[in-house]
Full PDB file with SEQRES, HELIX, SHEET, SSBOND, CRYST1, ORIGX, SCALE, CONECT and MASTER records, all heavy atoms in Angstrom:
SEQRES   1 A   34  ASN GLU THR ALA PHE ALA ALA ILE TRP SER PRO GLU GLY          
SEQRES   2 A   34  PRO MET ILE LEU ARG PHE ALA ALA PRO TRP ARG PRO VAL          
SEQRES   3 A   34  ALA VAL ASN VAL ARG ILE GLY SER                              
SHEET    1 AA1 2 ALA A   4  SER A  10  0                                        
SHEET    2 AA1 2 GLY A  13  ALA A  20 -1                                        
CRYST1    1.000    1.000    1.000  90.00  90.00  90.00 P 1           1          
ORIGX1      1.000000  0.000000  0.000000        0.00000                         
ORIGX2      0.000000  1.000000  0.000000        0.00000                         
ORIGX3      0.000000  0.000000  1.000000        0.00000                         
SCALE1      1.000000  0.000000  0.000000        0.00000                         
SCALE2      0.000000  1.000000  0.000000        0.00000                         
SCALE3      0.000000  0.000000  1.000000        0.00000                         
ATOM      1  N   ASN A   1      57.945  36.848  61.607  1.00  0.00           N  
ATOM      2  CA  ASN A   1      59.394  36.808  61.481  1.00  0.00           C  
ATOM      3  C   ASN A   1      60.028  36.598  62.939  1.00  0.00           C  
ATOM      4  O   ASN A   1      60.946  37.208  63.240  1.00  0.00           O  
ATOM      5  CB  ASN A   1      59.850  38.098  60.947  1.00  0.00           C  
ATOM      6  CG  ASN A   1      61.297  37.912  60.297  1.00  0.00           C  
ATOM      7  OD1 ASN A   1      61.785  36.804  60.181  1.00  0.00           O  
ATOM      8  ND2 ASN A   1      61.959  38.996  59.971  1.00  0.00           N  
ATOM      9  N   GLU A   2      59.515  35.671  63.710  1.00  0.00           N  
ATOM     10  CA  GLU A   2      59.924  35.348  65.064  1.00  0.00           C  
ATOM     11  C   GLU A   2      59.886  33.828  65.179  1.00  0.00           C  
ATOM     12  O   GLU A   2      59.227  33.188  64.442  1.00  0.00           O  
ATOM     13  CB  GLU A   2      59.050  36.110  66.131  1.00  0.00           C  
ATOM     14  CG  GLU A   2      58.972  37.565  66.092  1.00  0.00           C  
ATOM     15  CD  GLU A   2      60.326  38.309  66.431  1.00  0.00           C  
ATOM     16  OE1 GLU A   2      61.171  37.514  66.874  1.00  0.00           O  
ATOM     17  OE2 GLU A   2      60.428  39.497  66.381  1.00  0.00           O  
ATOM     18  N   THR A   3      60.542  33.402  66.337  1.00  0.00           N  
ATOM     19  CA  THR A   3      60.498  31.929  66.500  1.00  0.00           C  
ATOM     20  C   THR A   3      59.065  31.579  67.026  1.00  0.00           C  
ATOM     21  O   THR A   3      58.573  32.182  68.051  1.00  0.00           O  
ATOM     22  CB  THR A   3      61.548  31.563  67.544  1.00  0.00           C  
ATOM     23  OG1 THR A   3      62.849  31.963  67.069  1.00  0.00           O  
ATOM     24  CG2 THR A   3      61.436  30.137  68.005  1.00  0.00           C  
ATOM     25  N   ALA A   4      58.594  30.503  66.431  1.00  0.00           N  
ATOM     26  CA  ALA A   4      57.298  29.928  66.863  1.00  0.00           C  
ATOM     27  C   ALA A   4      57.534  28.447  67.346  1.00  0.00           C  
ATOM     28  O   ALA A   4      58.365  27.854  66.781  1.00  0.00           O  
ATOM     29  CB  ALA A   4      56.235  29.900  65.798  1.00  0.00           C  
ATOM     30  N   PHE A   5      56.758  28.105  68.401  1.00  0.00           N  
ATOM     31  CA  PHE A   5      56.919  26.668  68.822  1.00  0.00           C  
ATOM     32  C   PHE A   5      55.806  26.125  69.545  1.00  0.00           C  
ATOM     33  O   PHE A   5      54.766  26.886  69.870  1.00  0.00           O  
ATOM     34  CB  PHE A   5      58.266  26.622  69.889  1.00  0.00           C  
ATOM     35  CG  PHE A   5      58.052  27.295  71.174  1.00  0.00           C  
ATOM     36  CD1 PHE A   5      57.512  26.651  72.179  1.00  0.00           C  
ATOM     37  CD2 PHE A   5      58.462  28.674  71.187  1.00  0.00           C  
ATOM     38  CE1 PHE A   5      57.537  27.299  73.474  1.00  0.00           C  
ATOM     39  CE2 PHE A   5      58.234  29.299  72.486  1.00  0.00           C  
ATOM     40  CZ  PHE A   5      57.808  28.632  73.548  1.00  0.00           C  
ATOM     41  N   ALA A   6      55.706  24.797  69.670  1.00  0.00           N  
ATOM     42  CA  ALA A   6      54.570  24.128  70.330  1.00  0.00           C  
ATOM     43  C   ALA A   6      55.245  23.419  71.525  1.00  0.00           C  
ATOM     44  O   ALA A   6      56.276  22.833  71.435  1.00  0.00           O  
ATOM     45  CB  ALA A   6      53.891  23.251  69.358  1.00  0.00           C  
ATOM     46  N   ALA A   7      54.453  23.320  72.524  1.00  0.00           N  
ATOM     47  CA  ALA A   7      54.865  22.560  73.813  1.00  0.00           C  
ATOM     48  C   ALA A   7      53.844  21.620  74.271  1.00  0.00           C  
ATOM     49  O   ALA A   7      52.602  21.929  74.179  1.00  0.00           O  
ATOM     50  CB  ALA A   7      55.315  23.535  74.905  1.00  0.00           C  
ATOM     51  N   ILE A   8      54.132  20.562  74.891  1.00  0.00           N  
ATOM     52  CA  ILE A   8      53.324  19.584  75.398  1.00  0.00           C  
ATOM     53  C   ILE A   8      53.592  19.415  76.890  1.00  0.00           C  
ATOM     54  O   ILE A   8      54.587  19.853  77.436  1.00  0.00           O  
ATOM     55  CB  ILE A   8      53.299  18.263  74.635  1.00  0.00           C  
ATOM     56  CG1 ILE A   8      54.685  17.635  74.730  1.00  0.00           C  
ATOM     57  CG2 ILE A   8      52.861  18.425  73.219  1.00  0.00           C  
ATOM     58  CD1 ILE A   8      54.752  16.178  74.247  1.00  0.00           C  
ATOM     59  N   TRP A   9      52.585  18.706  77.539  1.00  0.00           N  
ATOM     60  CA  TRP A   9      52.925  18.378  79.024  1.00  0.00           C  
ATOM     61  C   TRP A   9      53.803  17.152  79.281  1.00  0.00           C  
ATOM     62  O   TRP A   9      53.621  16.145  78.442  1.00  0.00           O  
ATOM     63  CB  TRP A   9      51.546  18.084  79.762  1.00  0.00           C  
ATOM     64  CG  TRP A   9      51.732  18.023  81.347  1.00  0.00           C  
ATOM     65  CD1 TRP A   9      51.571  16.813  81.954  1.00  0.00           C  
ATOM     66  CD2 TRP A   9      51.970  19.057  82.159  1.00  0.00           C  
ATOM     67  NE1 TRP A   9      51.914  17.034  83.262  1.00  0.00           N  
ATOM     68  CE2 TRP A   9      52.022  18.349  83.450  1.00  0.00           C  
ATOM     69  CE3 TRP A   9      52.209  20.419  82.085  1.00  0.00           C  
ATOM     70  CZ2 TRP A   9      52.201  19.133  84.671  1.00  0.00           C  
ATOM     71  CZ3 TRP A   9      52.337  21.127  83.250  1.00  0.00           C  
ATOM     72  CH2 TRP A   9      52.436  20.429  84.543  1.00  0.00           C  
ATOM     73  N   SER A  10      54.739  17.129  80.153  1.00  0.00           N  
ATOM     74  CA  SER A  10      55.589  16.013  80.450  1.00  0.00           C  
ATOM     75  C   SER A  10      55.546  16.028  81.951  1.00  0.00           C  
ATOM     76  O   SER A  10      54.953  16.867  82.644  1.00  0.00           O  
ATOM     77  CB  SER A  10      57.089  16.432  80.052  1.00  0.00           C  
ATOM     78  OG  SER A  10      57.699  17.248  81.041  1.00  0.00           O  
ATOM     79  N   PRO A  11      56.032  14.856  82.615  1.00  0.00           N  
ATOM     80  CA  PRO A  11      56.011  14.694  84.020  1.00  0.00           C  
ATOM     81  C   PRO A  11      56.609  15.766  84.793  1.00  0.00           C  
ATOM     82  O   PRO A  11      56.469  16.006  85.956  1.00  0.00           O  
ATOM     83  CB  PRO A  11      56.677  13.333  84.278  1.00  0.00           C  
ATOM     84  CG  PRO A  11      56.461  12.696  82.943  1.00  0.00           C  
ATOM     85  CD  PRO A  11      56.552  13.726  81.858  1.00  0.00           C  
ATOM     86  N   GLU A  12      57.534  16.530  84.115  1.00  0.00           N  
ATOM     87  CA  GLU A  12      58.291  17.681  84.780  1.00  0.00           C  
ATOM     88  C   GLU A  12      57.770  18.985  84.382  1.00  0.00           C  
ATOM     89  O   GLU A  12      58.369  20.070  84.836  1.00  0.00           O  
ATOM     90  CB  GLU A  12      59.755  17.590  84.340  1.00  0.00           C  
ATOM     91  CG  GLU A  12      60.477  16.224  84.955  1.00  0.00           C  
ATOM     92  CD  GLU A  12      61.764  16.146  84.534  1.00  0.00           C  
ATOM     93  OE1 GLU A  12      62.719  16.584  85.263  1.00  0.00           O  
ATOM     94  OE2 GLU A  12      62.013  15.562  83.439  1.00  0.00           O  
ATOM     95  N   GLY A  13      56.713  19.020  83.709  1.00  0.00           N  
ATOM     96  CA  GLY A  13      56.076  20.346  83.233  1.00  0.00           C  
ATOM     97  C   GLY A  13      56.162  20.466  81.719  1.00  0.00           C  
ATOM     98  O   GLY A  13      56.395  19.584  81.039  1.00  0.00           O  
ATOM     99  N   PRO A  14      55.730  21.724  81.286  1.00  0.00           N  
ATOM    100  CA  PRO A  14      55.741  21.993  79.802  1.00  0.00           C  
ATOM    101  C   PRO A  14      57.035  21.673  79.192  1.00  0.00           C  
ATOM    102  O   PRO A  14      58.061  22.098  79.681  1.00  0.00           O  
ATOM    103  CB  PRO A  14      55.281  23.479  79.626  1.00  0.00           C  
ATOM    104  CG  PRO A  14      54.692  23.691  81.001  1.00  0.00           C  
ATOM    105  CD  PRO A  14      55.401  22.911  82.096  1.00  0.00           C  
ATOM    106  N   MET A  15      56.971  21.062  77.961  1.00  0.00           N  
ATOM    107  CA  MET A  15      58.214  20.680  77.188  1.00  0.00           C  
ATOM    108  C   MET A  15      58.052  21.074  75.760  1.00  0.00           C  
ATOM    109  O   MET A  15      56.987  20.783  75.186  1.00  0.00           O  
ATOM    110  CB  MET A  15      58.450  19.246  77.456  1.00  0.00           C  
ATOM    111  CG  MET A  15      59.753  18.763  76.682  1.00  0.00           C  
ATOM    112  SD  MET A  15      60.084  16.913  76.860  1.00  0.00           S  
ATOM    113  CE  MET A  15      58.698  16.380  75.783  1.00  0.00           C  
ATOM    114  N   ILE A  16      59.066  21.736  75.170  1.00  0.00           N  
ATOM    115  CA  ILE A  16      59.062  22.039  73.880  1.00  0.00           C  
ATOM    116  C   ILE A  16      59.032  20.866  72.868  1.00  0.00           C  
ATOM    117  O   ILE A  16      59.846  20.041  73.057  1.00  0.00           O  
ATOM    118  CB  ILE A  16      60.160  23.037  73.451  1.00  0.00           C  
ATOM    119  CG1 ILE A  16      60.133  24.350  74.244  1.00  0.00           C  
ATOM    120  CG2 ILE A  16      60.201  23.332  71.979  1.00  0.00           C  
ATOM    121  CD1 ILE A  16      61.260  25.262  74.068  1.00  0.00           C  
ATOM    122  N   LEU A  17      58.066  20.811  71.980  1.00  0.00           N  
ATOM    123  CA  LEU A  17      57.862  19.665  71.013  1.00  0.00           C  
ATOM    124  C   LEU A  17      58.452  19.973  69.674  1.00  0.00           C  
ATOM    125  O   LEU A  17      59.025  19.071  69.018  1.00  0.00           O  
ATOM    126  CB  LEU A  17      56.484  19.285  71.083  1.00  0.00           C  
ATOM    127  CG  LEU A  17      56.045  18.186  70.091  1.00  0.00           C  
ATOM    128  CD1 LEU A  17      56.633  16.787  70.661  1.00  0.00           C  
ATOM    129  CD2 LEU A  17      54.592  18.038  69.923  1.00  0.00           C  
ATOM    130  N   ARG A  18      58.064  21.138  69.136  1.00  0.00           N  
ATOM    131  CA  ARG A  18      58.352  21.506  67.680  1.00  0.00           C  
ATOM    132  C   ARG A  18      58.603  23.005  67.668  1.00  0.00           C  
ATOM    133  O   ARG A  18      58.085  23.714  68.514  1.00  0.00           O  
ATOM    134  CB  ARG A  18      57.272  21.189  66.800  1.00  0.00           C  
ATOM    135  CG  ARG A  18      56.954  19.688  66.553  1.00  0.00           C  
ATOM    136  CD  ARG A  18      57.862  19.055  65.507  1.00  0.00           C  
ATOM    137  NE  ARG A  18      57.462  17.723  65.020  1.00  0.00           N  
ATOM    138  CZ  ARG A  18      57.626  16.750  65.736  1.00  0.00           C  
ATOM    139  NH1 ARG A  18      58.241  16.744  66.881  1.00  0.00           N  
ATOM    140  NH2 ARG A  18      57.246  15.550  65.206  1.00  0.00           N  
ATOM    141  N   PHE A  19      59.361  23.387  66.724  1.00  0.00           N  
ATOM    142  CA  PHE A  19      59.636  24.830  66.523  1.00  0.00           C  
ATOM    143  C   PHE A  19      59.922  25.277  65.157  1.00  0.00           C  
ATOM    144  O   PHE A  19      60.338  24.311  64.336  1.00  0.00           O  
ATOM    145  CB  PHE A  19      60.706  25.368  67.503  1.00  0.00           C  
ATOM    146  CG  PHE A  19      62.115  25.109  67.048  1.00  0.00           C  
ATOM    147  CD1 PHE A  19      62.825  25.979  66.309  1.00  0.00           C  
ATOM    148  CD2 PHE A  19      62.799  23.978  67.365  1.00  0.00           C  
ATOM    149  CE1 PHE A  19      64.195  25.680  65.729  1.00  0.00           C  
ATOM    150  CE2 PHE A  19      64.032  23.570  66.953  1.00  0.00           C  
ATOM    151  CZ  PHE A  19      64.762  24.517  66.126  1.00  0.00           C  
ATOM    152  N   ALA A  20      59.846  26.479  64.796  1.00  0.00           N  
ATOM    153  CA  ALA A  20      60.105  27.000  63.510  1.00  0.00           C  
ATOM    154  C   ALA A  20      60.836  28.290  63.719  1.00  0.00           C  
ATOM    155  O   ALA A  20      60.328  29.154  64.367  1.00  0.00           O  
ATOM    156  CB  ALA A  20      58.798  27.207  62.615  1.00  0.00           C  
ATOM    157  N   ALA A  21      61.998  28.403  63.082  1.00  0.00           N  
ATOM    158  CA  ALA A  21      62.826  29.580  63.222  1.00  0.00           C  
ATOM    159  C   ALA A  21      62.554  30.630  62.196  1.00  0.00           C  
ATOM    160  O   ALA A  21      62.284  30.281  60.963  1.00  0.00           O  
ATOM    161  CB  ALA A  21      64.265  29.211  63.228  1.00  0.00           C  
ATOM    162  N   PRO A  22      62.792  31.889  62.438  1.00  0.00           N  
ATOM    163  CA  PRO A  22      62.490  32.947  61.374  1.00  0.00           C  
ATOM    164  C   PRO A  22      63.758  33.097  60.512  1.00  0.00           C  
ATOM    165  O   PRO A  22      64.764  32.435  60.771  1.00  0.00           O  
ATOM    166  CB  PRO A  22      62.377  34.273  62.233  1.00  0.00           C  
ATOM    167  CG  PRO A  22      63.184  33.941  63.422  1.00  0.00           C  
ATOM    168  CD  PRO A  22      63.008  32.528  63.751  1.00  0.00           C  
ATOM    169  N   TRP A  23      63.620  33.847  59.411  1.00  0.00           N  
ATOM    170  CA  TRP A  23      64.706  33.975  58.492  1.00  0.00           C  
ATOM    171  C   TRP A  23      65.758  34.944  59.011  1.00  0.00           C  
ATOM    172  O   TRP A  23      66.864  34.980  58.546  1.00  0.00           O  
ATOM    173  CB  TRP A  23      64.294  34.502  57.178  1.00  0.00           C  
ATOM    174  CG  TRP A  23      63.537  35.871  57.248  1.00  0.00           C  
ATOM    175  CD1 TRP A  23      62.177  35.979  57.223  1.00  0.00           C  
ATOM    176  CD2 TRP A  23      64.014  37.146  57.300  1.00  0.00           C  
ATOM    177  NE1 TRP A  23      61.805  37.341  57.370  1.00  0.00           N  
ATOM    178  CE2 TRP A  23      62.964  38.076  57.230  1.00  0.00           C  
ATOM    179  CE3 TRP A  23      65.433  37.652  57.201  1.00  0.00           C  
ATOM    180  CZ2 TRP A  23      63.248  39.369  57.351  1.00  0.00           C  
ATOM    181  CZ3 TRP A  23      65.558  39.050  57.394  1.00  0.00           C  
ATOM    182  CH2 TRP A  23      64.525  39.867  57.344  1.00  0.00           C  
ATOM    183  N   ARG A  24      65.479  35.858  59.907  1.00  0.00           N  
ATOM    184  CA  ARG A  24      66.397  36.855  60.432  1.00  0.00           C  
ATOM    185  C   ARG A  24      67.576  36.240  61.088  1.00  0.00           C  
ATOM    186  O   ARG A  24      67.552  35.099  61.602  1.00  0.00           O  
ATOM    187  CB  ARG A  24      65.731  37.822  61.368  1.00  0.00           C  
ATOM    188  CG  ARG A  24      65.202  37.216  62.641  1.00  0.00           C  
ATOM    189  CD  ARG A  24      64.774  38.247  63.664  1.00  0.00           C  
ATOM    190  NE  ARG A  24      63.438  38.698  63.520  1.00  0.00           N  
ATOM    191  CZ  ARG A  24      63.088  39.956  63.184  1.00  0.00           C  
ATOM    192  NH1 ARG A  24      64.064  40.875  63.010  1.00  0.00           N  
ATOM    193  NH2 ARG A  24      61.797  40.289  63.037  1.00  0.00           N  
ATOM    194  N   PRO A  25      68.753  36.761  60.935  1.00  0.00           N  
ATOM    195  CA  PRO A  25      70.108  36.211  61.288  1.00  0.00           C  
ATOM    196  C   PRO A  25      70.177  36.081  62.895  1.00  0.00           C  
ATOM    197  O   PRO A  25      70.840  35.129  63.378  1.00  0.00           O  
ATOM    198  CB  PRO A  25      71.089  37.147  60.856  1.00  0.00           C  
ATOM    199  CG  PRO A  25      70.360  38.462  60.563  1.00  0.00           C  
ATOM    200  CD  PRO A  25      69.127  38.072  60.207  1.00  0.00           C  
ATOM    201  N   VAL A  26      69.561  36.999  63.637  1.00  0.00           N  
ATOM    202  CA  VAL A  26      69.431  36.917  65.018  1.00  0.00           C  
ATOM    203  C   VAL A  26      68.097  36.742  65.501  1.00  0.00           C  
ATOM    204  O   VAL A  26      67.205  37.523  65.304  1.00  0.00           O  
ATOM    205  CB  VAL A  26      70.044  38.231  65.701  1.00  0.00           C  
ATOM    206  CG1 VAL A  26      70.113  38.149  67.143  1.00  0.00           C  
ATOM    207  CG2 VAL A  26      71.540  38.522  65.177  1.00  0.00           C  
ATOM    208  N   ALA A  27      68.010  35.514  66.208  1.00  0.00           N  
ATOM    209  CA  ALA A  27      66.625  35.247  66.713  1.00  0.00           C  
ATOM    210  C   ALA A  27      66.623  34.533  68.079  1.00  0.00           C  
ATOM    211  O   ALA A  27      67.738  33.959  68.478  1.00  0.00           O  
ATOM    212  CB  ALA A  27      65.879  34.257  65.726  1.00  0.00           C  
ATOM    213  N   VAL A  28      65.521  34.380  68.787  1.00  0.00           N  
ATOM    214  CA  VAL A  28      65.571  33.729  70.060  1.00  0.00           C  
ATOM    215  C   VAL A  28      65.539  32.198  69.699  1.00  0.00           C  
ATOM    216  O   VAL A  28      64.701  31.721  69.020  1.00  0.00           O  
ATOM    217  CB  VAL A  28      64.336  34.087  70.840  1.00  0.00           C  
ATOM    218  CG1 VAL A  28      64.331  33.301  72.179  1.00  0.00           C  
ATOM    219  CG2 VAL A  28      64.312  35.548  71.195  1.00  0.00           C  
ATOM    220  N   ASN A  29      66.603  31.554  70.219  1.00  0.00           N  
ATOM    221  CA  ASN A  29      66.742  30.018  69.954  1.00  0.00           C  
ATOM    222  C   ASN A  29      65.920  29.297  71.129  1.00  0.00           C  
ATOM    223  O   ASN A  29      65.832  29.659  72.323  1.00  0.00           O  
ATOM    224  CB  ASN A  29      68.169  29.587  70.022  1.00  0.00           C  
ATOM    225  CG  ASN A  29      68.850  30.191  68.922  1.00  0.00           C  
ATOM    226  OD1 ASN A  29      68.371  30.344  67.721  1.00  0.00           O  
ATOM    227  ND2 ASN A  29      70.227  30.638  69.058  1.00  0.00           N  
ATOM    228  N   VAL A  30      65.265  28.103  70.685  1.00  0.00           N  
ATOM    229  CA  VAL A  30      64.674  27.282  71.526  1.00  0.00           C  
ATOM    230  C   VAL A  30      65.096  25.838  71.210  1.00  0.00           C  
ATOM    231  O   VAL A  30      65.522  25.590  70.024  1.00  0.00           O  
ATOM    232  CB  VAL A  30      63.078  27.379  71.474  1.00  0.00           C  
ATOM    233  CG1 VAL A  30      62.611  28.733  71.875  1.00  0.00           C  
ATOM    234  CG2 VAL A  30      62.473  26.977  70.001  1.00  0.00           C  
ATOM    235  N   ARG A  31      64.988  24.991  72.080  1.00  0.00           N  
ATOM    236  CA  ARG A  31      65.443  23.632  71.926  1.00  0.00           C  
ATOM    237  C   ARG A  31      64.415  22.601  72.234  1.00  0.00           C  
ATOM    238  O   ARG A  31      63.709  22.813  73.240  1.00  0.00           O  
ATOM    239  CB  ARG A  31      66.697  23.259  72.755  1.00  0.00           C  
ATOM    240  CG  ARG A  31      67.953  24.041  72.354  1.00  0.00           C  
ATOM    241  CD  ARG A  31      69.191  23.553  73.153  1.00  0.00           C  
ATOM    242  NE  ARG A  31      68.977  23.619  74.602  1.00  0.00           N  
ATOM    243  CZ  ARG A  31      69.875  23.145  75.487  1.00  0.00           C  
ATOM    244  NH1 ARG A  31      70.921  22.539  75.089  1.00  0.00           N  
ATOM    245  NH2 ARG A  31      69.580  23.326  76.677  1.00  0.00           N  
ATOM    246  N   ILE A  32      64.237  21.618  71.300  1.00  0.00           N  
ATOM    247  CA  ILE A  32      63.300  20.562  71.530  1.00  0.00           C  
ATOM    248  C   ILE A  32      63.642  19.799  72.804  1.00  0.00           C  
ATOM    249  O   ILE A  32      64.817  19.450  72.939  1.00  0.00           O  
ATOM    250  CB  ILE A  32      63.181  19.655  70.314  1.00  0.00           C  
ATOM    251  CG1 ILE A  32      62.638  20.379  69.073  1.00  0.00           C  
ATOM    252  CG2 ILE A  32      62.412  18.410  70.644  1.00  0.00           C  
ATOM    253  CD1 ILE A  32      62.616  19.574  67.732  1.00  0.00           C  
ATOM    254  N   GLY A  33      62.670  19.520  73.673  1.00  0.00           N  
ATOM    255  CA  GLY A  33      62.911  18.877  74.794  1.00  0.00           C  
ATOM    256  C   GLY A  33      63.114  19.791  75.961  1.00  0.00           C  
ATOM    257  O   GLY A  33      63.175  19.330  77.107  1.00  0.00           O  
ATOM    258  N   SER A  34      63.319  21.080  75.855  1.00  0.00           N  
ATOM    259  CA  SER A  34      63.602  22.069  76.855  1.00  0.00           C  
ATOM    260  C   SER A  34      62.191  22.158  77.673  1.00  0.00           C  
ATOM    261  O   SER A  34      61.183  22.226  77.222  1.00  0.00           O  
ATOM    262  CB  SER A  34      63.925  23.369  76.361  1.00  0.00           C  
ATOM    263  OG  SER A  34      65.214  23.281  75.680  1.00  0.00           O  
TER     264      SER A  34                                                      
MASTER        0    0    0    0    2    0    0    6  263    1    0    3          
END                                                                             
C-alpha cells in the first residue's frame, strides 16, 4: 500500500521509468522522467 517504481540509468543518473500508486488518498508522488 505504498508507491512502487522502477528506474533506469540515463546520462544524468538514475531516472524514474514506471510507477504504481497505492489506493490510499495520501501517498508519496513520483514522476516519470524524474
